[in-house]
């Protein structure tokens, strides 16, 4: 994991909310099977204004688990970083 990836992961605390400014790619998380293994579902585009709540770590160091509505997804930390930068510019 790069230093940048470690920084972004540390700056993405559990429970933090993000409101996405446009269509946002997310990978659905399917219910686990008997082994408890997490299965990746389809790629979705969450709508503009979707409120994402950070739930926990992702399936690798470049993703994080989020909740949107009643479903859980994996999103890429780089995408959340773009949302954070856009918000910083908008509120500066």
C-alpha atoms as a PDB file:
ATOM      1  CA  UNK A   1       0.000   0.000   0.000  1.00  0.00           C
ATOM      2  CA  UNK A   2       1.412   3.363  -0.963  1.00  0.00           C
ATOM      3  CA  UNK A   3       1.762   6.239   1.495  1.00  0.00           C
ATOM      4  CA  UNK A   4      -0.990   8.071  -0.382  1.00  0.00           C
ATOM      5  CA  UNK A   5      -3.356   5.068  -0.098  1.00  0.00           C
ATOM      6  CA  UNK A   6      -2.650   4.844   3.637  1.00  0.00           C
ATOM      7  CA  UNK A   7      -3.375   8.559   4.056  1.00  0.00           C
ATOM      8  CA  UNK A   8      -6.654   8.385   2.114  1.00  0.00           C
ATOM      9  CA  UNK A   9      -7.771   5.292   4.066  1.00  0.00           C
ATOM     10  CA  UNK A  10      -7.005   7.010   7.382  1.00  0.00           C
ATOM     11  CA  UNK A  11      -8.872  10.137   6.299  1.00  0.00           C
ATOM     12  CA  UNK A  12     -12.034   8.107   5.573  1.00  0.00           C
ATOM     13  CA  UNK A  13     -13.471   7.505   9.055  1.00  0.00           C
ATOM     14  CA  UNK A  14     -16.306   5.106   9.778  1.00  0.00           C
ATOM     15  CA  UNK A  15     -19.695   6.752   9.794  1.00  0.00           C
ATOM     16  CA  UNK A  16     -18.605   9.703   7.666  1.00  0.00           C
ATOM     17  CA  UNK A  17     -21.193  10.784   5.108  1.00  0.00           C
ATOM     18  CA  UNK A  18     -20.489  11.778   1.524  1.00  0.00           C
ATOM     19  CA  UNK A  19     -23.009  13.285  -0.881  1.00  0.00           C
ATOM     20  CA  UNK A  20     -21.991  12.491  -4.429  1.00  0.00           C
ATOM     21  CA  UNK A  21     -22.211  15.314  -6.990  1.00  0.00           C
ATOM     22  CA  UNK A  22     -22.991  13.128 -10.016  1.00  0.00           C
ATOM     23  CA  UNK A  23     -23.338   9.521 -11.107  1.00  0.00           C
ATOM     24  CA  UNK A  24     -21.033   7.465  -8.925  1.00  0.00           C
ATOM     25  CA  UNK A  25     -19.703   3.959  -9.611  1.00  0.00           C
ATOM     26  CA  UNK A  26     -20.242   1.375  -6.870  1.00  0.00           C
ATOM     27  CA  UNK A  27     -19.928  -2.415  -6.714  1.00  0.00           C
ATOM     28  CA  UNK A  28     -22.813  -4.119  -4.951  1.00  0.00           C
ATOM     29  CA  UNK A  29     -22.105  -6.584  -2.155  1.00  0.00           C
ATOM     30  CA  UNK A  30     -24.080  -9.802  -2.361  1.00  0.00           C
ATOM     31  CA  UNK A  31     -25.184 -11.782   0.685  1.00  0.00           C
ATOM     32  CA  UNK A  32     -22.521 -14.138   1.959  1.00  0.00           C
ATOM     33  CA  UNK A  33     -22.742 -17.851   1.356  1.00  0.00           C
ATOM     34  CA  UNK A  34     -22.354 -20.531   4.043  1.00  0.00           C
ATOM     35  CA  UNK A  35     -18.581 -20.013   4.127  1.00  0.00           C
ATOM     36  CA  UNK A  36     -19.011 -16.361   5.089  1.00  0.00           C
ATOM     37  CA  UNK A  37     -17.125 -15.187   2.010  1.00  0.00           C
ATOM     38  CA  UNK A  38     -18.223 -11.842   0.618  1.00  0.00           C
ATOM     39  CA  UNK A  39     -19.272 -11.896  -3.006  1.00  0.00           C
ATOM     40  CA  UNK A  40     -19.042  -8.965  -5.367  1.00  0.00           C
ATOM     41  CA  UNK A  41     -22.146  -8.111  -7.339  1.00  0.00           C
ATOM     42  CA  UNK A  42     -22.780  -5.870 -10.301  1.00  0.00           C
ATOM     43  CA  UNK A  43     -21.354  -2.434 -10.965  1.00  0.00           C
ATOM     44  CA  UNK A  44     -23.989   0.246 -10.307  1.00  0.00           C
ATOM     45  CA  UNK A  45     -24.114   3.957 -10.897  1.00  0.00           C
ATOM     46  CA  UNK A  46     -25.525   5.630  -7.820  1.00  0.00           C
ATOM     47  CA  UNK A  47     -27.496   8.792  -8.579  1.00  0.00           C
ATOM     48  CA  UNK A  48     -26.456  12.383  -8.069  1.00  0.00           C
ATOM     49  CA  UNK A  49     -27.110  13.401  -4.483  1.00  0.00           C
ATOM     50  CA  UNK A  50     -26.736   9.866  -3.121  1.00  0.00           C
ATOM     51  CA  UNK A  51     -25.719   9.925   0.536  1.00  0.00           C
ATOM     52  CA  UNK A  52     -23.018   7.351   1.227  1.00  0.00           C
ATOM     53  CA  UNK A  53     -22.088   6.351   4.762  1.00  0.00           C
ATOM     54  CA  UNK A  54     -18.695   4.741   5.343  1.00  0.00           C
ATOM     55  CA  UNK A  55     -19.192   1.288   6.900  1.00  0.00           C
ATOM     56  CA  UNK A  56     -15.731  -0.213   6.903  1.00  0.00           C
ATOM     57  CA  UNK A  57     -12.762  -1.424   4.912  1.00  0.00           C
ATOM     58  CA  UNK A  58     -13.064  -2.497   1.318  1.00  0.00           C
ATOM     59  CA  UNK A  59     -12.075  -5.717  -0.374  1.00  0.00           C
ATOM     60  CA  UNK A  60      -8.606  -4.255  -0.977  1.00  0.00           C
ATOM     61  CA  UNK A  61      -6.613  -1.172   0.020  1.00  0.00           C
ATOM     62  CA  UNK A  62      -8.106   0.915  -2.797  1.00  0.00           C
ATOM     63  CA  UNK A  63     -11.751   0.467  -1.813  1.00  0.00           C
ATOM     64  CA  UNK A  64     -14.040   1.149   1.131  1.00  0.00           C
ATOM     65  CA  UNK A  65     -17.418  -0.288   2.103  1.00  0.00           C
ATOM     66  CA  UNK A  66     -20.329   2.178   2.098  1.00  0.00           C
ATOM     67  CA  UNK A  67     -24.051   2.036   2.754  1.00  0.00           C
ATOM     68  CA  UNK A  68     -26.562   3.699   0.458  1.00  0.00           C
ATOM     69  CA  UNK A  69     -30.187   3.208   1.367  1.00  0.00           C
ATOM     70  CA  UNK A  70     -30.541  -0.338   2.640  1.00  0.00           C
ATOM     71  CA  UNK A  71     -27.742  -1.802   0.491  1.00  0.00           C
ATOM     72  CA  UNK A  72     -23.971  -1.997   0.912  1.00  0.00           C
ATOM     73  CA  UNK A  73     -21.428  -1.298  -1.805  1.00  0.00           C
ATOM     74  CA  UNK A  74     -17.717  -1.026  -2.368  1.00  0.00           C
ATOM     75  CA  UNK A  75     -16.477   2.246  -3.820  1.00  0.00           C
ATOM     76  CA  UNK A  76     -13.014   3.327  -4.805  1.00  0.00           C
ATOM     77  CA  UNK A  77     -11.129   5.620  -2.423  1.00  0.00           C
ATOM     78  CA  UNK A  78      -9.928   7.683  -5.391  1.00  0.00           C
ATOM     79  CA  UNK A  79     -13.564   8.464  -6.251  1.00  0.00           C
ATOM     80  CA  UNK A  80     -14.270   9.566  -2.673  1.00  0.00           C
ATOM     81  CA  UNK A  81     -11.147  11.715  -2.767  1.00  0.00           C
ATOM     82  CA  UNK A  82     -12.569  13.510  -5.829  1.00  0.00           C
ATOM     83  CA  UNK A  83     -15.823  14.130  -3.943  1.00  0.00           C
ATOM     84  CA  UNK A  84     -13.876  15.494  -0.977  1.00  0.00           C
ATOM     85  CA  UNK A  85     -11.840  17.839  -3.231  1.00  0.00           C
ATOM     86  CA  UNK A  86     -14.955  19.111  -5.019  1.00  0.00           C
ATOM     87  CA  UNK A  87     -16.620  19.816  -1.666  1.00  0.00           C
ATOM     88  CA  UNK A  88     -13.549  21.669  -0.428  1.00  0.00           C
ATOM     89  CA  UNK A  89     -13.567  23.912  -3.502  1.00  0.00           C
ATOM     90  CA  UNK A  90     -17.327  24.523  -3.249  1.00  0.00           C
ATOM     91  CA  UNK A  91     -17.147  25.582   0.390  1.00  0.00           C
ATOM     92  CA  UNK A  92     -13.892  27.570   0.184  1.00  0.00           C
END
